Amino acid sequence: MIKSAETWVFDLDNTLYPASCDLFAEIDQRMTDFVARFLRLERAEARALQKQYYAEHGTTLKGLMTLHGMDPADFLAHVHEIDLSPLPTGSGLSEAIAGLPGRKYIYTNGSRRHAERVTNHMGLAHLFDGMSGIEDAAYHPKPDQRSYDRFCAQHDIDPGRSVFFEDLARNLAPAHAMGFTTVLVRSDKDWSHEPIEARPAGKGDDLPEHIDYVTNDLTAFLSGTPA
């Protein structure tokens, strides 16, 4: 199926770049800062609420919007203004993505601007036919079915002829049900600080039935030598 795929869909954070970059740690801290300031909470209380919303609503952003009527623009602008220097550049990933037949898209629960910044820094932006951020999904995050439906409609994607790459197993369940071939990208990083309902996959984790393939090395997988 993968060889005959017409469309390739990539999550961004901890998928298109290795979790070992620890880029999300800065985003995570900036989210805590925002929640503390927005709700006037002590930092520890803000962090606990941040993780609760992430587990229950798919993103901290969605929880703040749903329960506190927050305008998402300020949140997205704040949390994604991060240092991109840990990201790899000039790796074999560019060649591997360029060699894929058909269309390629990024589909993230982060902002579109975040996806553009990351891919520009990594030298990958020119390889993609489009990038969909949380704003394009009307702020419905993966794994909300409405998000997938909007993404596929916006880009005229046939799930049955497409491959979906993600580091969160729960986000691949709706994709698999729609007909996507699913690939779970996992790492050695310790995610025990994240809510168990929403942790990225680790190497020792059991694989749910909606995972078709798994890799610890995206570049190797796309190049035809799965790791």
Protein backbone atom coordinates (compact mmCIF):
# COMPACT_ATOMS: atom_id res chain seq x y z
CA MET A 1 0.00 0.00 0.00
CA ILE A 2 2.74 2.47 0.91
CA LYS A 3 4.45 2.11 -2.46
CA SER A 4 1.20 2.95 -4.26
CA ALA A 5 0.29 5.89 -2.02
CA GLU A 6 -0.73 9.13 -3.70
CA THR A 7 -0.62 11.38 -0.63
CA TRP A 8 1.73 11.56 2.37
CA VAL A 9 0.54 13.29 5.55
CA PHE A 10 2.98 14.20 8.31
CA ASP A 11 2.38 15.44 11.82
CA LEU A 12 4.98 18.06 12.80
CA ASP A 13 6.25 18.06 16.39
CA ASN A 14 8.22 14.95 17.39
CA THR A 15 7.36 13.38 14.04
CA LEU A 16 8.97 15.39 11.25
CA TYR A 17 11.89 16.14 13.57
CA PRO A 18 13.25 13.76 16.26
CA ALA A 19 11.82 13.96 19.77
CA SER A 20 15.43 14.06 20.97
CA CYS A 21 15.59 17.70 19.82
CA ASP A 22 13.40 18.41 22.86
CA LEU A 23 11.85 21.33 21.01
CA PHE A 24 8.48 20.69 22.58
CA ALA A 25 9.93 21.26 26.05
CA GLU A 26 10.16 25.00 25.32
CA ILE A 27 6.65 25.06 23.86
CA ASP A 28 5.47 23.22 26.96
CA GLN A 29 7.02 25.77 29.31
CA ARG A 30 5.61 28.68 27.33
CA MET A 31 2.15 27.13 27.55
CA THR A 32 2.50 26.95 31.32
CA ASP A 33 3.53 30.60 31.39
CA PHE A 34 0.53 31.60 29.32
CA VAL A 35 -1.98 29.60 31.40
CA ALA A 36 -0.58 31.06 34.62
CA ARG A 37 -0.86 34.60 33.32
CA PHE A 38 -4.22 34.17 31.60
CA LEU A 39 -5.95 32.49 34.56
CA ARG A 40 -3.89 34.27 37.26
CA LEU A 41 -2.68 31.02 38.78
CA GLU A 42 0.49 29.94 40.51
CA ARG A 43 2.79 28.13 38.11
CA ALA A 44 2.31 24.66 39.62
CA GLU A 45 -1.47 24.99 39.48
CA ALA A 46 -1.30 26.32 35.94
CA ARG A 47 0.83 23.40 34.80
CA ALA A 48 -1.52 20.83 36.31
CA LEU A 49 -4.46 22.46 34.56
CA GLN A 50 -2.54 22.67 31.31
CA LYS A 51 -1.92 18.91 31.34
CA GLN A 52 -5.51 18.19 32.34
CA TYR A 53 -6.82 20.17 29.39
CA TYR A 54 -4.34 18.46 27.06
CA ALA A 55 -5.56 15.03 28.12
CA GLU A 56 -9.26 15.86 28.10
CA HIS A 57 -9.56 18.21 25.11
CA GLY A 58 -6.76 17.14 22.76
CA THR A 59 -4.86 20.41 23.26
CA THR A 60 -4.44 22.87 26.10
CA LEU A 61 -5.67 25.50 23.64
CA LYS A 62 -8.99 23.73 23.11
CA GLY A 63 -9.55 23.45 26.86
CA LEU A 64 -8.91 27.15 27.37
CA MET A 65 -11.22 28.05 24.50
CA THR A 66 -14.01 25.71 25.61
CA LEU A 67 -13.94 26.40 29.32
CA HIS A 68 -12.69 29.99 29.48
CA GLY A 69 -13.70 31.55 26.17
CA MET A 70 -10.10 32.38 25.29
CA ASP A 71 -9.23 33.94 21.94
CA PRO A 72 -6.67 31.53 20.41
CA ALA A 73 -4.55 34.10 18.55
CA ASP A 74 -2.51 35.33 21.53
CA PHE A 75 -1.95 31.79 22.82
CA LEU A 76 -0.64 30.48 19.49
CA ALA A 77 1.59 33.49 18.96
CA HIS A 78 3.14 33.13 22.42
CA VAL A 79 3.71 29.39 22.72
CA HIS A 80 5.35 28.92 19.30
CA GLU A 81 7.90 31.75 19.49
CA ILE A 82 10.71 29.35 20.30
CA ASP A 83 14.39 28.83 19.58
CA LEU A 84 14.67 26.52 16.54
CA SER A 85 18.43 25.94 16.75
CA PRO A 86 18.10 22.35 18.10
CA LEU A 87 16.41 21.27 14.85
CA PRO A 88 18.45 19.24 12.38
CA THR A 89 19.31 20.78 9.02
CA GLY A 90 20.89 19.28 5.95
CA SER A 91 19.95 15.73 6.92
CA GLY A 92 18.82 12.94 4.59
CA LEU A 93 15.19 13.66 5.44
CA SER A 94 14.89 16.22 2.65
CA GLU A 95 16.02 13.72 0.04
CA ALA A 96 13.75 11.02 1.47
CA ILE A 97 10.65 13.24 1.33
CA ALA A 98 11.54 14.56 -2.12
CA GLY A 99 11.71 10.99 -3.37
CA LEU A 100 8.14 10.17 -2.36
CA PRO A 101 5.65 10.03 -5.24
CA GLY A 102 2.54 12.21 -5.12
CA ARG A 103 1.54 15.04 -2.80
CA LYS A 104 2.88 15.78 0.67
CA TYR A 105 1.21 17.70 3.50
CA ILE A 106 1.86 18.71 7.09
CA TYR A 107 -1.09 18.38 9.45
CA THR A 108 -0.46 19.63 12.98
CA ASN A 109 -2.28 20.61 16.15
CA GLY A 110 0.12 23.54 16.29
CA SER A 111 -0.28 26.71 14.28
CA ARG A 112 0.37 26.96 10.56
CA ARG A 113 3.03 29.58 11.26
CA HIS A 114 4.79 27.15 13.58
CA ALA A 115 4.83 24.55 10.81
CA GLU A 116 6.19 27.11 8.35
CA ARG A 117 8.94 28.25 10.75
CA VAL A 118 10.05 24.69 11.53
CA THR A 119 10.08 23.47 7.94
CA ASN A 120 11.83 26.60 6.69
CA HIS A 121 14.53 26.16 9.32
CA MET A 122 14.96 22.49 8.39
CA GLY A 123 15.05 23.25 4.66
CA LEU A 124 11.91 21.22 3.99
CA ALA A 125 9.18 23.79 3.33
CA HIS A 126 9.50 23.64 -0.46
CA LEU A 127 8.74 19.92 -0.44
CA PHE A 128 5.17 20.24 0.82
CA ASP A 129 2.03 20.97 -1.17
CA GLY A 130 0.32 22.45 1.88
CA MET A 131 0.40 22.86 5.65
CA SER A 132 -2.67 22.70 7.88
CA GLY A 133 -2.55 24.08 11.39
CA ILE A 134 -5.07 24.11 14.20
CA GLU A 135 -6.68 27.27 12.81
CA ASP A 136 -7.49 25.40 9.57
CA ALA A 137 -9.38 22.80 11.61
CA ALA A 138 -11.56 25.49 13.24
CA TYR A 139 -9.52 24.75 16.41
CA HIS A 140 -10.78 21.15 16.63
CA PRO A 141 -7.58 19.21 17.42
CA LYS A 142 -6.67 15.69 16.46
CA PRO A 143 -8.10 13.20 17.42
CA ASP A 144 -11.43 15.04 16.95
CA GLN A 145 -13.02 13.57 13.82
CA ARG A 146 -14.06 17.02 12.63
CA SER A 147 -10.40 17.94 12.28
CA TYR A 148 -9.64 15.03 9.93
CA ASP A 149 -12.76 15.66 7.87
CA ARG A 150 -11.84 19.31 7.36
CA PHE A 151 -8.24 18.47 6.51
CA CYS A 152 -9.22 15.91 3.87
CA ALA A 153 -11.86 18.20 2.37
CA GLN A 154 -9.51 21.17 2.19
CA HIS A 155 -6.85 19.23 0.31
CA ASP A 156 -9.06 16.76 -1.60
CA ILE A 157 -7.38 13.78 0.05
CA ASP A 158 -8.52 10.19 -0.45
CA PRO A 159 -7.59 8.43 2.81
CA GLY A 160 -7.61 5.05 1.09
CA ARG A 161 -4.63 6.11 -1.04
CA SER A 162 -2.76 8.03 1.65
CA VAL A 163 -0.24 7.45 4.44
CA PHE A 164 -0.41 9.21 7.82
CA PHE A 165 2.64 9.69 10.09
CA GLU A 166 2.20 10.56 13.80
CA ASP A 167 3.95 10.23 17.15
CA LEU A 168 0.67 10.02 19.10
CA ALA A 169 -1.03 6.65 18.76
CA ARG A 170 -4.43 8.06 19.69
CA ASN A 171 -4.27 10.47 16.75
CA LEU A 172 -3.87 7.58 14.32
CA ALA A 173 -7.08 5.82 15.38
CA PRO A 174 -9.47 8.11 13.42
CA ALA A 175 -7.06 8.14 10.47
CA HIS A 176 -7.01 4.35 10.34
CA ALA A 177 -10.80 4.18 10.55
CA MET A 178 -10.99 6.53 7.56
CA GLY A 179 -8.75 4.28 5.48
CA PHE A 180 -5.32 5.86 5.90
CA THR A 181 -2.29 3.63 6.17
CA THR A 182 -0.88 4.59 9.57
CA VAL A 183 2.75 4.91 10.64
CA LEU A 184 3.66 5.51 14.27
CA VAL A 185 6.92 7.40 14.84
CA ARG A 186 8.33 6.68 18.28
CA SER A 187 11.49 7.46 20.24
CA ASP A 188 13.56 6.73 23.34
CA LYS A 189 12.48 9.96 25.03
CA ASP A 190 10.91 9.67 28.49
CA TRP A 191 7.34 10.99 28.29
CA SER A 192 6.29 9.93 31.80
CA HIS A 193 5.65 13.59 32.71
CA GLU A 194 2.81 13.74 30.18
CA PRO A 195 -0.76 12.54 30.88
CA ILE A 196 -0.93 8.82 30.15
CA GLU A 197 -3.89 9.39 27.80
CA ALA A 198 -1.81 11.57 25.51
CA ARG A 199 1.80 10.43 25.69
CA PRO A 200 3.81 10.06 22.49
CA ALA A 201 4.84 6.50 21.74
CA GLY A 202 8.00 5.00 23.22
CA LYS A 203 10.01 2.07 21.91
CA GLY A 204 8.72 -0.34 24.52
CA ASP A 205 5.04 0.51 24.17
CA ASP A 206 2.46 -2.00 23.01
CA LEU A 207 1.04 -1.16 19.61
CA PRO A 208 -2.72 -0.81 19.17
CA GLU A 209 -4.40 -2.51 16.23
CA HIS A 210 -4.89 0.73 14.31
CA ILE A 211 -1.12 1.05 13.77
CA ASP A 212 -0.03 -0.42 10.43
CA TYR A 213 3.68 0.38 10.65
CA VAL A 214 6.05 1.66 13.30
CA THR A 215 9.47 3.29 13.00
CA ASN A 216 12.09 4.81 15.25
CA ASP A 217 13.75 6.60 12.32
CA LEU A 218 11.56 8.52 9.87
CA THR A 219 14.33 9.13 7.34
CA ALA A 220 15.25 5.45 7.22
CA PHE A 221 11.63 4.44 6.91
CA LEU A 222 10.96 6.79 4.00
CA SER A 223 14.17 5.68 2.34
CA GLY A 224 13.02 2.06 2.44
CA THR A 225 15.13 0.83 5.32
CA PRO A 226 12.72 0.86 8.32
CA ALA A 227 14.26 1.14 11.77
